[in-house]
Amino acid sequence: MDFISENHELAWNSALKALQPTQAQLEHGLELHKNLFAMDGFGFLPEECWNKRIQEKYCEWFEKGIGKRELAKRTEYAKYDAICDDEENNRIFRSALRASGLNCMVQTVAEGKSREEDIRRMGCNFQLLRHFRDTIAQAGSPEEIKEINDSGRMAVIWSINGPPIVGELQSLEQELSWIDDWKHLGVRMMHLSYNRRNFIADGCAEPADGGLSDLGFELIKKLNKAGIIVDVPHTGLRSSREAAKASAKPIMASHTGARALNNFIRCKDDETLKAIADNGGLVGVYAYGGMLGGSDDLPMMLNHIEYIVKLIGDDHVQIGTDLQYRHNWNRKPLPYYPNAEFTGNQWWGIWEKNPHPVLKPREDAIGSLAWINWPLYTVGMVTRGFSDETIAKILGQNFLRVFAANAPDPF
């Protein structure tokens, strides 16, 4: 293992302590991870969480009287420049990807709040693709993934957290008109909703659990035709089941968990998990600390994987961490706004009505769940007695099947 920093070693040792694999299991799992096609079904490319340059720009903008929300956006976009322009950050970015041992990942490149913000975020991600073109490249099909991997690079598949709906509700064609533009930019997965209710579907945080709208059913038809995978990780249970039934192609819940193990809004109940499997779809288990329940660590994540495999079969399970590698992990208050958390619109993802205790606040940063521990996720599946064939499916073969099944219809 090529540790980039002390924190990596802490994370690696934390996972080993939690898993307690035999030497044979450790060696076999690491060998599998090295030789199999491995991908993160939903995650984020590495970032520099907070460095001197970003802090200087932040203070400069604050002194100019920039408002809190705009300041949050500028700080977020500045991180992309900081990653690309600093030699040390360049090294960290490439080293983190190598240490993960991944061949591919689904990368969230926009939030789905507005087309303007989405385009700005996509522009930042295009910058990463260009700057690190020796390390990563965008993929829009299984064939492109193979070509990128054959060149020694990691493939990146773009996902969006919500549809680019116009919102005037006058013309169906107008409402869906931006879907093809997103496809042309390389988007291949799309959430129907994100926690809250939109024009398409109820999110998982809405108490009504109202299901899909008429526009939602039409959107699914459009996504099927465009070759964009319908994704329901933040969507309500009824909406998720209706999407699975309505879609002519396999859907995903790319990063979720089993509600039977943790009664939390982001997890799916058995009925919904079965509906996704019946559609031929795919359920990804996240590695997000605070949403797994129980011990809230790597063994607990494995519990969710094991439960879902037993419930719906190993053809329908993957890992979608919902995490990224942050080298300069920082929980300290920011200057001037000591009580602020710069995540933009807090209400969009707030959990106040559905609190979930973060049992180990840094577990997914430098603990056993850390994104850098990806090879040990595979070791963990070995310790649970999964066959090599099952591990290969979960690591990436299941995703390739669903990706291929969602090829765009002929023009």
Protein backbone atom coordinates (compact mmCIF):
# COMPACT_ATOMS: atom_id res chain seq x y z
CA MET A 1 0.00 0.00 0.00
CA ASP A 2 1.46 3.36 -1.06
CA PHE A 3 0.40 5.60 1.82
CA ILE A 4 0.18 9.23 0.82
CA SER A 5 0.04 10.49 4.38
CA GLU A 6 -0.16 9.47 7.98
CA ASN A 7 -3.95 9.60 7.79
CA HIS A 8 -3.96 6.85 5.17
CA GLU A 9 -2.05 4.57 7.45
CA LEU A 10 -4.48 5.33 10.26
CA ALA A 11 -7.43 4.48 8.00
CA TRP A 12 -5.81 1.30 6.69
CA ASN A 13 -4.92 0.03 10.16
CA SER A 14 -8.40 0.93 11.45
CA ALA A 15 -9.96 -1.25 8.74
CA LEU A 16 -7.60 -4.14 9.40
CA LYS A 17 -8.43 -3.97 13.10
CA ALA A 18 -12.16 -3.96 12.34
CA LEU A 19 -11.99 -6.82 9.81
CA GLN A 20 -9.31 -8.96 11.46
CA PRO A 21 -8.66 -10.97 8.29
CA THR A 22 -6.34 -13.95 8.28
CA GLN A 23 -3.15 -13.48 6.31
CA ALA A 24 -4.57 -15.72 3.58
CA GLN A 25 -7.80 -13.69 3.41
CA LEU A 26 -5.86 -10.43 3.27
CA GLU A 27 -3.58 -11.61 0.50
CA HIS A 28 -6.43 -13.13 -1.51
CA GLY A 29 -8.63 -10.05 -1.18
CA LEU A 30 -5.86 -7.67 -2.23
CA GLU A 31 -5.02 -9.90 -5.18
CA LEU A 32 -8.68 -9.97 -6.25
CA HIS A 33 -8.95 -6.21 -6.01
CA LYS A 34 -5.84 -5.84 -8.12
CA ASN A 35 -6.97 -8.21 -10.86
CA LEU A 36 -10.74 -7.68 -11.07
CA PHE A 37 -12.58 -4.78 -12.66
CA ALA A 38 -13.39 -2.60 -9.64
CA MET A 39 -15.52 0.53 -9.57
CA ASP A 40 -17.25 2.90 -7.19
CA GLY A 41 -20.90 2.99 -8.27
CA PHE A 42 -21.35 6.47 -6.81
CA GLY A 43 -18.65 8.69 -5.39
CA PHE A 44 -16.52 11.77 -5.84
CA LEU A 45 -13.04 12.39 -7.17
CA PRO A 46 -10.42 13.37 -4.56
CA GLU A 47 -10.34 16.96 -3.41
CA GLU A 48 -8.26 19.28 -1.28
CA CYS A 49 -10.76 20.14 1.41
CA TRP A 50 -9.22 23.39 2.65
CA ASN A 51 -5.82 24.87 1.87
CA LYS A 52 -4.02 28.20 2.17
CA ARG A 53 -4.99 29.40 -1.29
CA ILE A 54 -8.68 28.72 -0.81
CA GLN A 55 -8.60 30.42 2.59
CA GLU A 56 -6.93 33.51 1.08
CA LYS A 57 -9.54 33.71 -1.69
CA TYR A 58 -12.30 33.16 0.83
CA CYS A 59 -11.09 36.05 2.99
CA GLU A 60 -10.69 38.26 -0.09
CA TRP A 61 -14.28 37.59 -1.17
CA PHE A 62 -15.57 38.12 2.36
CA GLU A 63 -13.88 41.52 2.56
CA LYS A 64 -15.67 42.50 -0.66
CA GLY A 65 -19.01 41.84 1.01
CA ILE A 66 -19.94 38.66 -0.87
CA GLY A 67 -23.06 37.07 0.61
CA LYS A 68 -22.97 33.77 2.45
CA ARG A 69 -24.54 31.65 -0.28
CA GLU A 70 -22.43 33.10 -3.09
CA LEU A 71 -19.35 32.80 -0.90
CA ALA A 72 -20.13 29.11 -0.43
CA LYS A 73 -20.38 28.59 -4.20
CA ARG A 74 -17.18 30.49 -4.98
CA THR A 75 -15.30 28.56 -2.31
CA GLU A 76 -16.59 25.28 -3.74
CA TYR A 77 -15.54 26.12 -7.29
CA ALA A 78 -12.15 27.42 -6.10
CA LYS A 79 -11.30 23.92 -4.84
CA TYR A 80 -11.09 22.69 -8.42
CA ASP A 81 -8.51 25.37 -9.25
CA ALA A 82 -6.59 24.50 -6.09
CA ILE A 83 -6.44 20.83 -7.11
CA CYS A 84 -5.19 21.60 -10.62
CA ASP A 85 -2.80 24.50 -9.97
CA ASP A 86 -0.78 23.14 -7.05
CA GLU A 87 1.96 20.56 -7.70
CA GLU A 88 1.49 18.86 -4.34
CA ASN A 89 -2.27 18.60 -4.89
CA ASN A 90 -1.58 17.06 -8.30
CA ARG A 91 0.52 14.37 -6.68
CA ILE A 92 -2.06 13.71 -3.97
CA PHE A 93 -4.90 13.43 -6.53
CA ARG A 94 -3.07 10.84 -8.62
CA SER A 95 -1.76 8.95 -5.59
CA ALA A 96 -5.21 8.68 -4.01
CA LEU A 97 -6.68 7.23 -7.20
CA ARG A 98 -3.82 4.72 -7.50
CA ALA A 99 -4.22 3.67 -3.88
CA SER A 100 -7.93 2.98 -4.41
CA GLY A 101 -7.15 0.38 -7.06
CA LEU A 102 -10.32 1.39 -8.94
CA ASN A 103 -10.78 1.14 -12.69
CA CYS A 104 -13.89 3.30 -12.83
CA MET A 105 -16.18 5.47 -10.77
CA VAL A 106 -19.49 7.26 -11.09
CA GLN A 107 -18.85 10.92 -10.30
CA THR A 108 -21.51 13.39 -9.24
CA VAL A 109 -20.94 16.51 -11.32
CA ALA A 110 -24.06 18.59 -10.55
CA GLU A 111 -26.80 18.89 -7.97
CA GLY A 112 -29.86 19.34 -10.16
CA LYS A 113 -30.95 22.57 -8.46
CA SER A 114 -30.69 24.79 -11.52
CA ARG A 115 -29.27 24.43 -15.00
CA GLU A 116 -26.97 27.40 -14.44
CA GLU A 117 -25.38 25.87 -11.35
CA ASP A 118 -25.21 22.47 -13.02
CA ILE A 119 -23.31 23.88 -15.99
CA ARG A 120 -20.84 25.66 -13.70
CA ARG A 121 -20.18 22.43 -11.81
CA MET A 122 -19.82 20.45 -15.03
CA GLY A 123 -17.35 23.04 -16.26
CA CYS A 124 -15.25 22.52 -13.13
CA ASN A 125 -15.30 18.77 -13.72
CA PHE A 126 -14.29 19.19 -17.36
CA GLN A 127 -11.31 21.11 -16.00
CA LEU A 128 -10.34 18.07 -13.90
CA LEU A 129 -10.69 15.76 -16.91
CA ARG A 130 -8.41 17.96 -19.00
CA HIS A 131 -5.82 18.61 -16.33
CA PHE A 132 -5.55 14.97 -15.21
CA ARG A 133 -5.98 13.51 -18.70
CA ASP A 134 -3.05 11.16 -18.04
CA THR A 135 -4.96 9.66 -15.10
CA ILE A 136 -8.72 9.91 -15.77
CA ALA A 137 -11.07 10.18 -18.74
CA GLN A 138 -14.83 10.48 -19.17
CA ALA A 139 -16.68 7.34 -20.30
CA GLY A 140 -20.12 7.15 -21.89
CA SER A 141 -20.35 3.41 -22.58
CA PRO A 142 -18.86 0.07 -21.46
CA GLU A 143 -16.69 0.11 -24.60
CA GLU A 144 -15.25 3.48 -23.64
CA ILE A 145 -14.53 2.22 -20.11
CA LYS A 146 -12.45 -0.62 -21.59
CA GLU A 147 -10.57 1.73 -23.93
CA ILE A 148 -9.74 4.05 -21.04
CA ASN A 149 -8.65 1.20 -18.78
CA ASP A 150 -6.51 -0.27 -21.57
CA SER A 151 -4.67 3.07 -21.70
CA GLY A 152 -3.86 2.80 -17.99
CA ARG A 153 -6.38 5.40 -16.86
CA MET A 154 -9.47 5.38 -14.66
CA ALA A 155 -12.86 5.87 -16.32
CA VAL A 156 -15.25 8.49 -14.93
CA ILE A 157 -19.01 8.28 -15.56
CA TRP A 158 -21.04 11.41 -14.95
CA SER A 159 -24.12 11.48 -12.73
CA ILE A 160 -26.53 14.32 -11.85
CA ASN A 161 -28.49 14.62 -8.58
CA GLY A 162 -31.67 15.79 -10.29
CA PRO A 163 -33.28 16.30 -13.71
CA PRO A 164 -32.93 19.62 -15.61
CA ILE A 165 -36.66 20.33 -15.70
CA VAL A 166 -37.73 23.72 -17.06
CA GLY A 167 -40.57 24.08 -14.54
CA GLU A 168 -43.05 26.14 -16.57
CA LEU A 169 -45.37 23.12 -16.93
CA GLN A 170 -46.79 24.23 -20.24
CA SER A 171 -45.27 21.82 -22.74
CA LEU A 172 -44.05 18.27 -22.16
CA GLU A 173 -41.49 18.63 -24.93
CA GLN A 174 -40.16 21.81 -23.32
CA GLU A 175 -39.93 20.22 -19.87
CA LEU A 176 -37.79 17.36 -21.16
CA SER A 177 -35.82 19.35 -23.72
CA TRP A 178 -32.60 19.58 -21.71
CA ILE A 179 -32.23 15.82 -21.22
CA ASP A 180 -30.54 15.38 -24.60
CA ASP A 181 -28.17 18.26 -23.83
CA TRP A 182 -27.11 16.55 -20.61
CA LYS A 183 -26.64 13.32 -22.57
CA HIS A 184 -24.42 15.12 -25.10
CA LEU A 185 -22.31 16.47 -22.23
CA GLY A 186 -21.75 12.90 -21.05
CA VAL A 187 -24.31 12.43 -18.27
CA ARG A 188 -25.20 8.75 -17.96
CA MET A 189 -27.03 8.55 -14.61
CA MET A 190 -29.67 10.81 -13.08
CA HIS A 191 -31.53 10.98 -9.77
CA LEU A 192 -35.26 11.43 -10.04
CA SER A 193 -35.33 13.51 -6.84
CA TYR A 194 -32.99 14.41 -4.02
CA ASN A 195 -34.51 14.11 -0.53
CA ARG A 196 -37.25 16.66 -1.25
CA ARG A 197 -40.25 16.71 -3.55
CA ASN A 198 -39.80 18.08 -7.07
CA PHE A 199 -41.88 18.06 -10.27
CA ILE A 200 -40.91 14.40 -10.80
CA ALA A 201 -41.15 12.49 -7.53
CA ASP A 202 -41.20 12.65 -3.77
CA GLY A 203 -37.81 12.44 -2.12
CA CYS A 204 -36.99 10.17 0.78
CA ALA A 205 -37.31 13.01 3.32
CA GLU A 206 -40.93 13.80 2.44
CA PRO A 207 -43.49 12.33 4.88
CA ALA A 208 -46.22 11.84 2.26
CA ASP A 209 -44.29 9.33 0.11
CA GLY A 210 -46.49 10.39 -2.80
CA GLY A 211 -44.84 8.56 -5.70
CA LEU A 212 -44.15 9.67 -9.26
CA SER A 213 -45.96 12.51 -11.02
CA ASP A 214 -47.25 12.18 -14.58
CA LEU A 215 -44.18 14.15 -15.63
CA GLY A 216 -42.06 11.64 -13.72
CA PHE A 217 -43.39 8.75 -15.79
CA GLU A 218 -42.67 10.73 -18.97
CA LEU A 219 -39.16 11.56 -17.75
CA ILE A 220 -38.38 7.87 -17.26
CA LYS A 221 -39.40 7.16 -20.87
CA LYS A 222 -37.12 9.98 -22.01
CA LEU A 223 -34.18 8.78 -19.89
CA ASN A 224 -34.61 5.24 -21.23
CA LYS A 225 -34.50 6.54 -24.78
CA ALA A 226 -31.51 8.80 -24.11
CA GLY A 227 -29.45 6.06 -22.46
CA ILE A 228 -29.36 7.72 -19.04
CA ILE A 229 -29.75 5.35 -16.09
CA VAL A 230 -32.68 6.11 -13.76
CA ASP A 231 -31.23 6.41 -10.23
CA VAL A 232 -33.35 6.49 -7.04
CA PRO A 233 -31.00 6.59 -4.01
CA HIS A 234 -32.56 9.75 -2.53
CA THR A 235 -36.05 9.10 -3.88
CA GLY A 236 -38.99 8.02 -1.72
CA LEU A 237 -39.93 4.36 -1.40
CA ARG A 238 -43.14 4.53 -3.44
CA SER A 239 -41.45 6.63 -6.14
CA SER A 240 -38.59 4.13 -6.29
CA ARG A 241 -40.93 1.17 -6.72
CA GLU A 242 -42.99 2.96 -9.36
CA ALA A 243 -39.81 3.89 -11.23
CA ALA A 244 -38.65 0.27 -11.22
CA LYS A 245 -41.99 -0.86 -12.62
CA ALA A 246 -42.24 1.94 -15.19
CA SER A 247 -38.69 1.77 -16.57
CA ALA A 248 -38.14 -0.38 -19.65
CA LYS A 249 -34.46 -0.62 -18.68
CA PRO A 250 -32.76 -1.57 -15.38
CA ILE A 251 -32.65 1.20 -12.80
CA MET A 252 -30.33 1.79 -9.84
CA ALA A 253 -30.41 2.88 -6.26
CA SER A 254 -26.71 3.62 -6.56
CA HIS A 255 -25.96 4.40 -2.89
CA THR A 256 -28.31 3.29 -0.16
CA GLY A 257 -28.66 0.67 2.58
CA ALA A 258 -31.10 -1.89 3.95
CA ARG A 259 -33.82 -0.37 6.11
CA ALA A 260 -34.16 -3.72 7.86
CA LEU A 261 -30.74 -3.03 9.39
CA ASN A 262 -31.16 0.71 9.93
CA ASN A 263 -34.56 2.41 9.93
CA PHE A 264 -33.32 5.56 8.25
CA ILE A 265 -34.86 7.53 5.38
CA ARG A 266 -31.90 7.00 3.05
CA CYS A 267 -32.24 3.20 3.31
CA LYS A 268 -34.66 1.11 1.22
CA ASP A 269 -37.12 -1.40 2.64
CA ASP A 270 -37.27 -5.01 1.44
CA GLU A 271 -40.22 -4.40 -0.89
CA THR A 272 -38.35 -1.63 -2.70
CA LEU A 273 -35.11 -3.59 -2.91
CA LYS A 274 -37.02 -6.51 -4.47
CA ALA A 275 -38.77 -4.19 -6.93
CA ILE A 276 -35.41 -2.90 -8.16
CA ALA A 277 -34.11 -6.45 -8.55
CA ASP A 278 -37.28 -7.52 -10.37
CA ASN A 279 -36.58 -4.71 -12.85
CA GLY A 280 -33.11 -6.20 -13.44
CA GLY A 281 -31.63 -3.25 -11.60
CA LEU A 282 -28.86 -2.63 -9.14
CA VAL A 283 -28.61 -1.60 -5.47
CA GLY A 284 -25.44 0.08 -4.23
CA VAL A 285 -24.45 0.07 -0.57
CA TYR A 286 -22.92 3.28 0.73
CA ALA A 287 -19.96 3.69 3.09
CA TYR A 288 -21.25 6.90 4.62
CA GLY A 289 -20.62 7.10 8.37
CA GLY A 290 -23.78 7.85 10.32
CA MET A 291 -26.19 6.20 7.89
CA LEU A 292 -25.28 2.53 8.31
CA GLY A 293 -26.48 2.13 11.89
CA GLY A 294 -25.12 -0.36 14.41
CA SER A 295 -21.34 -0.17 14.71
CA ASP A 296 -21.33 2.32 11.81
CA ASP A 297 -18.07 1.02 10.38
CA LEU A 298 -16.75 -1.24 7.61
CA PRO A 299 -18.15 -4.44 9.18
CA MET A 300 -21.56 -2.75 9.33
CA MET A 301 -21.32 -1.82 5.67
CA LEU A 302 -20.56 -5.47 4.95
CA ASN A 303 -23.64 -6.41 6.97
CA HIS A 304 -25.77 -4.33 4.56
CA ILE A 305 -24.11 -5.93 1.53
CA GLU A 306 -24.58 -9.41 2.96
CA TYR A 307 -28.24 -8.76 3.83
CA ILE A 308 -29.12 -7.37 0.41
CA VAL A 309 -27.28 -10.17 -1.43
CA LYS A 310 -29.27 -12.74 0.53
CA LEU A 311 -32.52 -10.86 -0.14
CA ILE A 312 -32.27 -10.15 -3.88
CA GLY A 313 -29.23 -12.07 -5.15
CA ASP A 314 -25.66 -11.18 -6.02
CA ASP A 315 -26.59 -10.06 -9.56
CA HIS A 316 -28.17 -6.91 -8.14
CA VAL A 317 -25.65 -5.48 -5.66
CA GLN A 318 -22.71 -3.09 -5.92
CA ILE A 319 -20.84 -0.61 -3.71
CA GLY A 320 -21.52 3.10 -4.15
CA THR A 321 -19.59 4.76 -1.35
CA ASP A 322 -21.06 8.28 -1.58
CA LEU A 323 -17.59 9.30 -0.38
CA GLN A 324 -14.43 10.90 -1.66
CA TYR A 325 -10.84 11.23 -0.53
CA ARG A 326 -10.13 14.49 1.26
CA HIS A 327 -6.46 14.94 2.00
CA ASN A 328 -6.71 17.96 4.27
CA TRP A 329 -9.68 16.85 6.37
CA ASN A 330 -10.80 19.88 8.37
CA ARG A 331 -13.69 20.22 10.81
CA LYS A 332 -12.51 23.54 12.28
CA PRO A 333 -14.81 26.60 12.07
CA LEU A 334 -14.19 28.85 9.08
CA PRO A 335 -13.02 32.42 9.74
CA TYR A 336 -15.70 35.12 9.97
CA TYR A 337 -18.54 32.57 9.89
CA PRO A 338 -17.66 30.33 12.87
CA ASN A 339 -21.05 28.62 12.94
CA ALA A 340 -21.50 28.26 9.18
CA GLU A 341 -21.46 25.02 7.23
CA PHE A 342 -21.03 25.89 3.58
CA THR A 343 -23.22 23.38 1.82
CA GLY A 344 -25.38 25.86 -0.04
CA ASN A 345 -29.08 25.26 0.50
CA GLN A 346 -29.17 23.40 3.81
CA TRP A 347 -32.88 22.63 3.61
CA TRP A 348 -32.36 20.58 0.48
CA GLY A 349 -30.57 17.87 2.42
CA ILE A 350 -31.33 18.68 6.06
CA TRP A 351 -32.14 15.79 8.41
CA GLU A 352 -33.65 17.61 11.40
CA LYS A 353 -36.93 15.68 11.21
CA ASN A 354 -35.06 12.42 10.67
CA PRO A 355 -31.95 12.70 12.85
CA HIS A 356 -29.21 10.14 12.51
CA PRO A 357 -26.43 10.04 15.06
CA VAL A 358 -22.93 10.06 13.65
CA LEU A 359 -21.45 7.50 15.98
CA LYS A 360 -17.92 7.91 14.71
CA PRO A 361 -17.65 11.36 13.10
CA ARG A 362 -14.37 10.63 11.30
CA GLU A 363 -15.02 7.00 10.45
CA ASP A 364 -15.48 7.73 6.76
CA ALA A 365 -12.49 10.11 6.69
CA ILE A 366 -9.63 8.36 8.47
CA GLY A 367 -11.41 5.30 9.91
CA SER A 368 -12.26 1.89 8.48
CA LEU A 369 -14.79 3.29 5.96
CA ALA A 370 -12.34 5.79 4.42
CA TRP A 371 -12.50 5.93 0.62
CA ILE A 372 -8.79 5.20 0.43
CA ASN A 373 -9.52 1.77 1.95
CA TRP A 374 -11.24 0.47 -1.20
CA PRO A 375 -8.91 -2.59 -1.48
CA LEU A 376 -9.94 -3.55 2.05
CA TYR A 377 -13.62 -3.42 1.10
CA THR A 378 -12.76 -6.36 -1.15
CA VAL A 379 -10.85 -8.06 1.65
CA GLY A 380 -13.94 -7.59 3.80
CA MET A 381 -16.09 -9.47 1.30
CA VAL A 382 -13.54 -12.29 1.36
CA THR A 383 -13.84 -12.47 5.16
CA ARG A 384 -17.63 -12.83 4.78
CA GLY A 385 -17.16 -15.91 2.64
CA PHE A 386 -18.30 -14.43 -0.68
CA SER A 387 -17.09 -16.39 -3.68
CA ASP A 388 -14.68 -14.81 -6.16
CA GLU A 389 -17.52 -14.78 -8.70
CA THR A 390 -19.84 -12.89 -6.35
CA ILE A 391 -17.11 -10.39 -5.47
CA ALA A 392 -16.42 -9.79 -9.15
CA LYS A 393 -20.11 -9.02 -9.70
CA ILE A 394 -20.31 -6.62 -6.77
CA LEU A 395 -17.05 -4.87 -7.65
CA GLY A 396 -18.12 -3.99 -11.16
CA GLN A 397 -19.58 -6.67 -13.40
CA ASN A 398 -23.13 -5.92 -12.26
CA PHE A 399 -22.69 -2.26 -13.13
CA LEU A 400 -21.34 -3.08 -16.58
CA ARG A 401 -24.43 -5.23 -17.23
CA VAL A 402 -26.84 -2.46 -16.23
CA PHE A 403 -24.80 0.18 -18.08
CA ALA A 404 -24.91 -1.88 -21.28
CA ALA A 405 -28.65 -2.50 -20.89
CA ASN A 406 -29.18 1.27 -20.74
CA ALA A 407 -27.60 1.99 -24.11
CA PRO A 408 -29.44 4.81 -25.92
CA ASP A 409 -32.13 3.90 -28.42
CA PRO A 410 -31.27 4.44 -32.10
CA PHE A 411 -31.77 8.03 -33.24
